[in-house]
Amino acid sequence: MAESEKAVVLDNQAIRRALTRVAHEIIEKNKGVEECVIVGIKTRGIYLANRIANRIEQIEGKKIAIGELDITLYRDDLTTKTEDREPIVKGSDIPVDITNKKVILVDDVLYTGRTVRAALDALIDIGRPAQIQLAVLIDRGHREFPIRADYVGKNIPTANSEQIVVELEEIDKIDQVTIHKK
């Protein structure tokens, strides 16, 4: 089924502003960034996590540990997505022990909550954080699990027939968020 672009809802400046606000909110809620680790969910969550960490460093003058989380083997839809082929596992890379740390999990879009549920399972297998917080660029609603974000770049209510597409400079050569009709 062909998709047609409906609207650009965030351009590069709006994405930058949203991530800067999220960085400030993370600092404020945690009273600094000591004992915090930012972990991006592969793929786009990693780039957003890096951007947030860079903004935090600019604001606070302190580096914050950054990790990458691959949730491939934790997905509950693994069999339906990979019937013809083996799943491609890219591996997680979290350079610090997350036990007793505040982990800020970062993803691009929060939709049903299934990706976040898988990420929570993956994190718990790695260590036992003191707390897990969730930061997303876009919250589009339609939850299937009781999951909510602590930090949201932008709430964009959508219909189930629509799709949010996040494009980031690091892999897509452009920063923008668009809504597409399915």
N, C-alpha and C. Protein backbone atom coordinates (compact mmCIF):
# COMPACT_ATOMS: atom_id res chain seq x y z
N MET A 1 0.85 -1.17 0.00
CA MET A 1 0.00 0.00 0.00
C MET A 1 0.89 1.24 0.00
N ALA A 2 0.67 2.13 -0.91
CA ALA A 2 1.49 3.32 -1.03
C ALA A 2 1.15 4.31 0.08
N GLU A 3 2.19 5.02 0.53
CA GLU A 3 2.00 6.05 1.54
C GLU A 3 2.21 7.39 0.88
N SER A 4 1.48 8.39 1.34
CA SER A 4 1.71 9.74 0.84
C SER A 4 1.96 10.65 2.03
N GLU A 5 2.91 11.57 1.90
CA GLU A 5 3.24 12.46 3.00
C GLU A 5 2.05 13.36 3.30
N LYS A 6 1.73 13.46 4.57
CA LYS A 6 0.61 14.31 4.96
C LYS A 6 1.11 15.67 5.42
N ALA A 7 2.06 15.66 6.36
CA ALA A 7 2.52 16.94 6.88
C ALA A 7 3.83 16.79 7.63
N VAL A 8 4.67 17.82 7.55
CA VAL A 8 5.86 17.90 8.39
C VAL A 8 5.41 18.51 9.71
N VAL A 9 5.59 17.77 10.80
CA VAL A 9 5.14 18.26 12.10
C VAL A 9 6.29 18.83 12.94
N LEU A 10 7.51 18.40 12.66
CA LEU A 10 8.69 18.98 13.31
C LEU A 10 9.79 19.11 12.26
N ASP A 11 10.40 20.29 12.19
CA ASP A 11 11.57 20.46 11.32
C ASP A 11 12.82 20.40 12.19
N ASN A 12 13.99 20.66 11.60
CA ASN A 12 15.23 20.50 12.36
C ASN A 12 15.29 21.44 13.57
N GLN A 13 14.80 22.67 13.45
CA GLN A 13 14.81 23.60 14.58
C GLN A 13 13.87 23.14 15.69
N ALA A 14 12.71 22.65 15.33
CA ALA A 14 11.74 22.17 16.33
C ALA A 14 12.28 20.93 17.05
N ILE A 15 12.96 20.06 16.34
CA ILE A 15 13.56 18.88 16.96
C ILE A 15 14.64 19.32 17.94
N ARG A 16 15.49 20.25 17.53
CA ARG A 16 16.56 20.77 18.39
C ARG A 16 15.98 21.38 19.66
N ARG A 17 14.95 22.21 19.51
CA ARG A 17 14.32 22.84 20.68
C ARG A 17 13.70 21.79 21.61
N ALA A 18 13.02 20.80 21.03
CA ALA A 18 12.38 19.76 21.85
C ALA A 18 13.42 18.97 22.65
N LEU A 19 14.54 18.63 22.02
CA LEU A 19 15.58 17.87 22.72
C LEU A 19 16.28 18.72 23.78
N THR A 20 16.43 20.01 23.53
CA THR A 20 17.01 20.91 24.52
C THR A 20 16.09 20.98 25.75
N ARG A 21 14.78 21.08 25.52
CA ARG A 21 13.82 21.11 26.63
C ARG A 21 13.88 19.81 27.41
N VAL A 22 13.94 18.67 26.70
CA VAL A 22 14.03 17.37 27.37
C VAL A 22 15.30 17.31 28.22
N ALA A 23 16.42 17.79 27.69
CA ALA A 23 17.68 17.79 28.46
C ALA A 23 17.53 18.60 29.74
N HIS A 24 16.93 19.78 29.66
CA HIS A 24 16.70 20.61 30.85
C HIS A 24 15.80 19.89 31.85
N GLU A 25 14.74 19.23 31.36
CA GLU A 25 13.82 18.52 32.25
C GLU A 25 14.51 17.35 32.95
N ILE A 26 15.39 16.65 32.24
CA ILE A 26 16.14 15.53 32.85
C ILE A 26 17.02 16.06 33.98
N ILE A 27 17.73 17.15 33.71
CA ILE A 27 18.60 17.75 34.73
C ILE A 27 17.78 18.19 35.94
N GLU A 28 16.66 18.85 35.68
CA GLU A 28 15.83 19.36 36.77
C GLU A 28 15.23 18.23 37.61
N LYS A 29 14.65 17.24 36.95
CA LYS A 29 14.00 16.15 37.69
C LYS A 29 15.00 15.35 38.53
N ASN A 30 16.22 15.18 38.02
CA ASN A 30 17.22 14.37 38.71
C ASN A 30 18.17 15.21 39.56
N LYS A 31 17.91 16.53 39.64
CA LYS A 31 18.77 17.44 40.41
C LYS A 31 20.22 17.29 40.00
N GLY A 32 20.45 17.35 38.68
CA GLY A 32 21.78 17.12 38.11
C GLY A 32 21.77 15.80 37.37
N VAL A 33 22.96 15.30 37.04
CA VAL A 33 23.02 14.06 36.27
C VAL A 33 23.92 13.01 36.92
N GLU A 34 24.29 13.24 38.19
CA GLU A 34 25.07 12.24 38.89
C GLU A 34 24.23 10.97 38.99
N GLU A 35 24.86 9.86 38.85
CA GLU A 35 24.20 8.55 38.94
C GLU A 35 23.19 8.31 37.81
N CYS A 36 23.26 9.11 36.74
CA CYS A 36 22.37 8.92 35.59
C CYS A 36 23.13 8.32 34.41
N VAL A 37 22.43 7.51 33.65
CA VAL A 37 22.95 6.93 32.42
C VAL A 37 21.87 7.08 31.36
N ILE A 38 22.25 7.55 30.18
CA ILE A 38 21.29 7.66 29.08
C ILE A 38 21.49 6.46 28.16
N VAL A 39 20.39 5.76 27.85
CA VAL A 39 20.46 4.57 27.01
C VAL A 39 19.47 4.72 25.86
N GLY A 40 20.00 4.73 24.64
CA GLY A 40 19.17 4.85 23.45
C GLY A 40 18.76 3.48 22.92
N ILE A 41 17.50 3.37 22.51
CA ILE A 41 17.01 2.14 21.90
C ILE A 41 17.37 2.19 20.42
N LYS A 42 18.03 1.12 19.93
CA LYS A 42 18.43 1.08 18.52
C LYS A 42 17.20 1.16 17.64
N THR A 43 17.18 1.93 16.62
CA THR A 43 18.29 2.63 16.01
C THR A 43 18.23 4.12 16.29
N ARG A 44 17.11 4.76 16.03
CA ARG A 44 17.07 6.22 16.16
C ARG A 44 17.16 6.72 17.58
N GLY A 45 16.79 5.92 18.55
CA GLY A 45 16.91 6.31 19.94
C GLY A 45 18.35 6.60 20.35
N ILE A 46 19.29 5.91 19.71
CA ILE A 46 20.71 6.11 20.00
C ILE A 46 21.13 7.52 19.61
N TYR A 47 20.73 7.96 18.43
CA TYR A 47 21.11 9.29 17.96
C TYR A 47 20.46 10.38 18.82
N LEU A 48 19.22 10.15 19.21
CA LEU A 48 18.55 11.11 20.09
C LEU A 48 19.21 11.13 21.47
N ALA A 49 19.60 9.95 21.98
CA ALA A 49 20.29 9.87 23.27
C ALA A 49 21.61 10.65 23.22
N ASN A 50 22.35 10.52 22.14
CA ASN A 50 23.61 11.25 21.98
C ASN A 50 23.38 12.75 21.96
N ARG A 51 22.35 13.19 21.26
CA ARG A 51 22.04 14.62 21.19
C ARG A 51 21.66 15.16 22.57
N ILE A 52 20.83 14.41 23.30
CA ILE A 52 20.42 14.83 24.64
C ILE A 52 21.64 14.89 25.56
N ALA A 53 22.50 13.88 25.49
CA ALA A 53 23.70 13.84 26.32
C ALA A 53 24.61 15.03 26.01
N ASN A 54 24.74 15.38 24.74
CA ASN A 54 25.55 16.54 24.36
C ASN A 54 24.98 17.83 24.91
N ARG A 55 23.64 17.97 24.86
CA ARG A 55 23.00 19.17 25.41
C ARG A 55 23.20 19.23 26.92
N ILE A 56 23.06 18.09 27.60
CA ILE A 56 23.26 18.05 29.05
C ILE A 56 24.69 18.49 29.38
N GLU A 57 25.65 18.00 28.62
CA GLU A 57 27.05 18.38 28.85
C GLU A 57 27.25 19.89 28.65
N GLN A 58 26.61 20.44 27.62
CA GLN A 58 26.72 21.89 27.37
C GLN A 58 26.10 22.68 28.53
N ILE A 59 24.98 22.21 29.05
CA ILE A 59 24.26 22.92 30.10
C ILE A 59 24.96 22.76 31.45
N GLU A 60 25.30 21.52 31.81
CA GLU A 60 25.84 21.20 33.14
C GLU A 60 27.36 21.20 33.21
N GLY A 61 28.02 21.09 32.06
CA GLY A 61 29.47 20.99 32.07
C GLY A 61 29.96 19.65 32.55
N LYS A 62 29.07 18.64 32.53
CA LYS A 62 29.43 17.29 32.97
C LYS A 62 29.01 16.29 31.91
N LYS A 63 29.89 15.30 31.69
CA LYS A 63 29.55 14.23 30.77
C LYS A 63 28.59 13.26 31.46
N ILE A 64 27.71 12.68 30.68
CA ILE A 64 26.80 11.65 31.18
C ILE A 64 27.05 10.39 30.37
N ALA A 65 27.10 9.24 31.02
CA ALA A 65 27.35 7.98 30.32
C ALA A 65 26.21 7.70 29.34
N ILE A 66 26.58 7.16 28.17
CA ILE A 66 25.61 6.86 27.12
C ILE A 66 25.75 5.39 26.74
N GLY A 67 24.62 4.72 26.55
CA GLY A 67 24.63 3.33 26.12
C GLY A 67 23.66 3.11 24.98
N GLU A 68 23.81 1.94 24.34
CA GLU A 68 22.93 1.54 23.23
C GLU A 68 22.27 0.23 23.62
N LEU A 69 20.97 0.13 23.34
CA LEU A 69 20.22 -1.06 23.71
C LEU A 69 19.57 -1.68 22.48
N ASP A 70 19.87 -2.95 22.23
CA ASP A 70 19.24 -3.69 21.14
C ASP A 70 18.15 -4.57 21.76
N ILE A 71 16.91 -4.35 21.33
CA ILE A 71 15.78 -5.08 21.92
C ILE A 71 15.26 -6.19 21.01
N THR A 72 15.98 -6.47 19.94
CA THR A 72 15.51 -7.43 18.92
C THR A 72 14.96 -8.72 19.52
N LEU A 73 15.72 -9.35 20.40
CA LEU A 73 15.31 -10.65 20.93
C LEU A 73 14.27 -10.55 22.04
N TYR A 74 13.91 -9.34 22.43
CA TYR A 74 12.92 -9.14 23.50
C TYR A 74 11.55 -8.76 22.96
N ARG A 75 11.45 -8.56 21.65
CA ARG A 75 10.18 -8.13 21.06
C ARG A 75 9.15 -9.26 21.13
N ASP A 76 7.90 -8.90 21.38
CA ASP A 76 6.85 -9.92 21.43
C ASP A 76 6.27 -10.21 20.04
N ASP A 77 6.73 -9.46 19.04
CA ASP A 77 6.26 -9.70 17.67
C ASP A 77 7.37 -10.28 16.81
N LEU A 78 8.39 -10.85 17.43
CA LEU A 78 9.55 -11.37 16.72
C LEU A 78 9.16 -12.41 15.68
N THR A 79 8.25 -13.31 16.01
CA THR A 79 7.89 -14.36 15.06
C THR A 79 7.12 -13.81 13.87
N THR A 80 6.29 -12.80 14.07
CA THR A 80 5.53 -12.26 12.95
C THR A 80 6.39 -11.38 12.05
N LYS A 81 7.43 -10.76 12.61
CA LYS A 81 8.28 -9.87 11.81
C LYS A 81 9.39 -10.64 11.09
N THR A 82 9.74 -11.83 11.55
CA THR A 82 10.91 -12.53 11.01
C THR A 82 10.59 -13.96 10.57
N GLU A 83 9.39 -14.21 10.05
CA GLU A 83 9.03 -15.57 9.68
C GLU A 83 9.96 -16.17 8.62
N ASP A 84 10.40 -15.35 7.67
CA ASP A 84 11.23 -15.86 6.57
C ASP A 84 12.72 -15.80 6.85
N ARG A 85 13.12 -15.06 7.89
CA ARG A 85 14.54 -14.86 8.10
C ARG A 85 14.85 -14.79 9.59
N GLU A 86 16.12 -14.95 9.89
CA GLU A 86 16.58 -14.83 11.27
C GLU A 86 16.61 -13.35 11.66
N PRO A 87 16.30 -13.03 12.91
CA PRO A 87 16.40 -11.64 13.33
C PRO A 87 17.86 -11.20 13.33
N ILE A 88 18.08 -9.93 13.01
CA ILE A 88 19.42 -9.37 13.00
C ILE A 88 19.65 -8.72 14.37
N VAL A 89 20.55 -9.30 15.14
CA VAL A 89 20.85 -8.77 16.46
C VAL A 89 22.10 -7.92 16.35
N LYS A 90 21.98 -6.65 16.73
CA LYS A 90 23.11 -5.72 16.62
C LYS A 90 23.88 -5.64 17.93
N GLY A 91 23.29 -6.10 19.02
CA GLY A 91 23.98 -6.10 20.30
C GLY A 91 23.82 -4.79 21.06
N SER A 92 23.81 -4.92 22.38
CA SER A 92 23.72 -3.75 23.24
C SER A 92 25.14 -3.35 23.65
N ASP A 93 25.32 -2.07 23.92
CA ASP A 93 26.61 -1.57 24.38
C ASP A 93 26.35 -0.51 25.44
N ILE A 94 26.42 -0.93 26.69
CA ILE A 94 26.26 0.01 27.80
C ILE A 94 27.58 -0.04 28.57
N PRO A 95 28.40 1.03 28.45
CA PRO A 95 29.77 1.00 28.96
C PRO A 95 29.92 1.11 30.47
N VAL A 96 28.82 1.28 31.20
CA VAL A 96 28.89 1.37 32.66
C VAL A 96 27.89 0.39 33.27
N ASP A 97 28.12 0.04 34.52
CA ASP A 97 27.19 -0.81 35.25
C ASP A 97 25.95 0.03 35.58
N ILE A 98 24.78 -0.43 35.19
CA ILE A 98 23.55 0.34 35.42
C ILE A 98 22.92 0.03 36.78
N THR A 99 23.48 -0.92 37.51
CA THR A 99 22.94 -1.26 38.81
C THR A 99 22.98 -0.04 39.73
N ASN A 100 21.83 0.24 40.34
CA ASN A 100 21.64 1.38 41.25
C ASN A 100 21.81 2.75 40.59
N LYS A 101 21.75 2.80 39.27
CA LYS A 101 21.81 4.07 38.54
C LYS A 101 20.39 4.45 38.09
N LYS A 102 20.23 5.73 37.76
CA LYS A 102 19.00 6.19 37.12
C LYS A 102 19.23 6.08 35.63
N VAL A 103 18.47 5.22 34.98
CA VAL A 103 18.61 5.02 33.54
C VAL A 103 17.52 5.81 32.82
N ILE A 104 17.94 6.67 31.91
CA ILE A 104 16.99 7.40 31.07
C ILE A 104 16.99 6.70 29.72
N LEU A 105 15.92 5.99 29.45
CA LEU A 105 15.73 5.26 28.21
C LEU A 105 15.21 6.22 27.15
N VAL A 106 15.82 6.22 25.95
CA VAL A 106 15.44 7.18 24.92
C VAL A 106 15.00 6.44 23.66
N ASP A 107 13.85 6.88 23.10
CA ASP A 107 13.37 6.34 21.84
C ASP A 107 12.77 7.48 21.01
N ASP A 108 12.54 7.20 19.73
CA ASP A 108 12.02 8.25 18.86
C ASP A 108 10.51 8.42 19.01
N VAL A 109 9.74 7.33 18.93
CA VAL A 109 8.28 7.43 18.98
C VAL A 109 7.72 6.45 20.02
N LEU A 110 6.84 6.96 20.87
CA LEU A 110 6.10 6.11 21.79
C LEU A 110 4.71 5.92 21.20
N TYR A 111 4.35 4.66 20.96
CA TYR A 111 3.08 4.34 20.31
C TYR A 111 2.34 3.35 21.20
N THR A 112 2.46 2.07 20.96
CA THR A 112 1.71 1.07 21.73
C THR A 112 2.34 0.79 23.09
N GLY A 113 3.65 1.03 23.21
CA GLY A 113 4.37 0.73 24.43
C GLY A 113 5.11 -0.60 24.36
N ARG A 114 4.93 -1.34 23.29
CA ARG A 114 5.56 -2.66 23.16
C ARG A 114 7.09 -2.57 23.06
N THR A 115 7.60 -1.59 22.34
CA THR A 115 9.05 -1.42 22.24
C THR A 115 9.64 -1.11 23.61
N VAL A 116 8.99 -0.23 24.35
CA VAL A 116 9.48 0.13 25.68
C VAL A 116 9.41 -1.07 26.61
N ARG A 117 8.36 -1.86 26.54
CA ARG A 117 8.26 -3.06 27.37
C ARG A 117 9.43 -3.99 27.09
N ALA A 118 9.76 -4.17 25.82
CA ALA A 118 10.90 -5.01 25.44
C ALA A 118 12.21 -4.41 25.97
N ALA A 119 12.33 -3.09 25.90
CA ALA A 119 13.54 -2.42 26.39
C ALA A 119 13.69 -2.59 27.90
N LEU A 120 12.58 -2.53 28.63
CA LEU A 120 12.63 -2.73 30.07
C LEU A 120 13.14 -4.13 30.40
N ASP A 121 12.64 -5.13 29.68
CA ASP A 121 13.12 -6.51 29.88
C ASP A 121 14.61 -6.62 29.59
N ALA A 122 15.06 -6.00 28.50
CA ALA A 122 16.48 -6.05 28.13
C ALA A 122 17.34 -5.37 29.19
N LEU A 123 16.90 -4.22 29.69
CA LEU A 123 17.66 -3.51 30.73
C LEU A 123 17.78 -4.33 32.00
N ILE A 124 16.69 -4.95 32.41
CA ILE A 124 16.69 -5.73 33.66
C ILE A 124 17.63 -6.93 33.54
N ASP A 125 17.79 -7.47 32.33
CA ASP A 125 18.74 -8.56 32.12
C ASP A 125 20.19 -8.09 32.25
N ILE A 126 20.42 -6.79 32.05
CA ILE A 126 21.78 -6.24 32.10
C ILE A 126 22.16 -5.84 33.53
N GLY A 127 21.21 -5.33 34.28
CA GLY A 127 21.48 -4.89 35.65
C GLY A 127 20.20 -4.51 36.35
N ARG A 128 20.33 -3.98 37.57
CA ARG A 128 19.15 -3.58 38.33
C ARG A 128 19.24 -2.09 38.64
N PRO A 129 18.69 -1.26 37.74
CA PRO A 129 18.74 0.18 37.96
C PRO A 129 17.92 0.59 39.18
N ALA A 130 18.31 1.71 39.79
CA ALA A 130 17.53 2.27 40.89
C ALA A 130 16.21 2.80 40.35
N GLN A 131 16.25 3.30 39.11
CA GLN A 131 15.06 3.88 38.49
C GLN A 131 15.24 3.87 36.97
N ILE A 132 14.14 3.70 36.26
CA ILE A 132 14.17 3.82 34.80
C ILE A 132 13.18 4.91 34.42
N GLN A 133 13.66 5.89 33.66
CA GLN A 133 12.82 6.97 33.15
C GLN A 133 12.79 6.84 31.64
N LEU A 134 11.74 7.39 31.03
CA LEU A 134 11.57 7.28 29.58
C LEU A 134 11.49 8.66 28.95
N ALA A 135 12.33 8.87 27.92
CA ALA A 135 12.30 10.11 27.14
C ALA A 135 12.02 9.74 25.68
N VAL A 136 11.05 10.41 25.08
CA VAL A 136 10.73 10.16 23.67
C VAL A 136 10.62 11.49 22.93
N LEU A 137 10.97 11.46 21.66
CA LEU A 137 10.80 12.66 20.85
C LEU A 137 9.32 12.90 20.58
N ILE A 138 8.59 11.83 20.23
CA ILE A 138 7.16 11.92 19.88
C ILE A 138 6.34 10.92 20.70
N ASP A 139 5.25 11.40 21.28
CA ASP A 139 4.26 10.51 21.90
C ASP A 139 2.99 10.64 21.06
N ARG A 140 2.61 9.54 20.39
CA ARG A 140 1.46 9.60 19.50
C ARG A 140 0.20 8.93 20.05
N GLY A 141 0.29 8.43 21.30
CA GLY A 141 -0.89 7.82 21.90
C GLY A 141 -1.08 6.37 21.47
N HIS A 142 -2.27 5.83 21.67
CA HIS A 142 -2.66 4.46 21.27
C HIS A 142 -1.96 3.37 22.07
N ARG A 143 -1.78 3.55 23.36
CA ARG A 143 -1.07 2.58 24.19
C ARG A 143 -1.80 1.25 24.28
N GLU A 144 -1.02 0.17 24.26
CA GLU A 144 -1.52 -1.18 24.52
C GLU A 144 -0.99 -1.70 25.85
N PHE A 145 0.01 -1.01 26.40
CA PHE A 145 0.60 -1.33 27.69
C PHE A 145 0.53 -0.07 28.57
N PRO A 146 0.48 -0.24 29.88
CA PRO A 146 0.39 0.93 30.77
C PRO A 146 1.76 1.60 30.93
N ILE A 147 2.19 2.26 29.87
CA ILE A 147 3.51 2.89 29.84
C ILE A 147 3.32 4.35 29.43
N ARG A 148 4.02 5.25 30.14
CA ARG A 148 3.99 6.66 29.77
C ARG A 148 5.40 7.21 29.85
N ALA A 149 5.66 8.24 29.07
CA ALA A 149 6.98 8.85 29.04
C ALA A 149 7.11 9.89 30.15
N ASP A 150 8.31 9.98 30.72
CA ASP A 150 8.61 11.01 31.71
C ASP A 150 8.94 12.33 31.01
N TYR A 151 9.52 12.22 29.81
CA TYR A 151 9.93 13.40 29.04
C TYR A 151 9.45 13.21 27.60
N VAL A 152 8.73 14.20 27.09
CA VAL A 152 8.17 14.12 25.73
C VAL A 152 8.57 15.37 24.96
N GLY A 153 9.18 15.17 23.79
CA GLY A 153 9.51 16.30 22.93
C GLY A 153 8.25 16.96 22.40
N LYS A 154 7.32 16.13 21.89
CA LYS A 154 6.05 16.66 21.37
C LYS A 154 5.00 15.56 21.39
N ASN A 155 3.80 15.91 21.88
CA ASN A 155 2.65 15.02 21.79
C ASN A 155 1.98 15.27 20.46
N ILE A 156 1.80 14.21 19.67
CA ILE A 156 1.14 14.33 18.38
C ILE A 156 0.04 13.28 18.31
N PRO A 157 -1.20 13.65 18.65
CA PRO A 157 -2.30 12.69 18.55
C PRO A 157 -2.47 12.26 17.10
N THR A 158 -2.61 10.96 16.89
CA THR A 158 -2.74 10.43 15.54
C THR A 158 -3.89 9.46 15.45
N ALA A 159 -4.29 9.18 14.23
CA ALA A 159 -5.25 8.10 13.97
C ALA A 159 -4.44 6.82 13.78
N ASN A 160 -5.07 5.68 14.00
CA ASN A 160 -4.37 4.40 13.76
C ASN A 160 -3.98 4.25 12.30
N SER A 161 -4.69 4.95 11.40
CA SER A 161 -4.39 4.84 9.97
C SER A 161 -3.20 5.71 9.56
N GLU A 162 -2.64 6.46 10.51
CA GLU A 162 -1.50 7.32 10.20
C GLU A 162 -0.21 6.71 10.76
N GLN A 163 0.90 7.16 10.21
CA GLN A 163 2.21 6.71 10.66
C GLN A 163 3.09 7.92 10.88
N ILE A 164 3.81 7.91 12.00
CA ILE A 164 4.79 8.96 12.27
C ILE A 164 6.14 8.47 11.75
N VAL A 165 6.81 9.30 10.97
CA VAL A 165 8.13 8.96 10.44
C VAL A 165 9.14 9.97 10.98
N VAL A 166 10.11 9.47 11.74
CA VAL A 166 11.18 10.31 12.27
C VAL A 166 12.40 10.09 11.40
N GLU A 167 12.92 11.18 10.86
CA GLU A 167 14.14 11.13 10.06
C GLU A 167 15.19 11.97 10.77
N LEU A 168 16.38 11.39 10.92
CA LEU A 168 17.47 12.08 11.61
C LEU A 168 18.68 12.21 10.70
N GLU A 169 19.34 13.34 10.83
CA GLU A 169 20.50 13.68 10.00
C GLU A 169 21.54 12.55 9.95
N GLU A 170 21.79 11.90 11.08
CA GLU A 170 22.84 10.89 11.18
C GLU A 170 22.63 9.71 10.22
N ILE A 171 21.39 9.37 9.93
CA ILE A 171 21.15 8.23 9.02
C ILE A 171 20.27 8.58 7.82
N ASP A 172 19.45 9.61 7.96
CA ASP A 172 18.52 9.94 6.88
C ASP A 172 18.91 11.21 6.13
N LYS A 173 19.98 11.89 6.57
CA LYS A 173 20.48 13.12 5.94
C LYS A 173 19.54 14.31 6.06
N ILE A 174 18.53 14.20 6.94
CA ILE A 174 17.60 15.31 7.20
C ILE A 174 17.00 15.12 8.58
N ASP A 175 16.72 16.22 9.26
CA ASP A 175 16.03 16.17 10.55
C ASP A 175 14.60 16.63 10.34
N GLN A 176 13.66 15.70 10.46
CA GLN A 176 12.25 16.08 10.39
C GLN A 176 11.38 14.94 10.88
N VAL A 177 10.17 15.31 11.30
CA VAL A 177 9.16 14.33 11.68
C VAL A 177 7.95 14.62 10.81
N THR A 178 7.45 13.56 10.16
CA THR A 178 6.30 13.71 9.29
C THR A 178 5.20 12.72 9.67
N ILE A 179 3.97 13.06 9.29
CA ILE A 179 2.83 12.14 9.44
C ILE A 179 2.48 11.67 8.05
N HIS A 180 2.35 10.35 7.92
CA HIS A 180 1.96 9.74 6.64
C HIS A 180 0.65 9.00 6.81
N LYS A 181 -0.17 9.02 5.78
CA LYS A 181 -1.38 8.19 5.76
C LYS A 181 -0.97 6.79 5.37
N LYS A 182 -1.58 5.78 5.98
CA LYS A 182 -1.29 4.38 5.60
C LYS A 182 -2.14 3.99 4.43
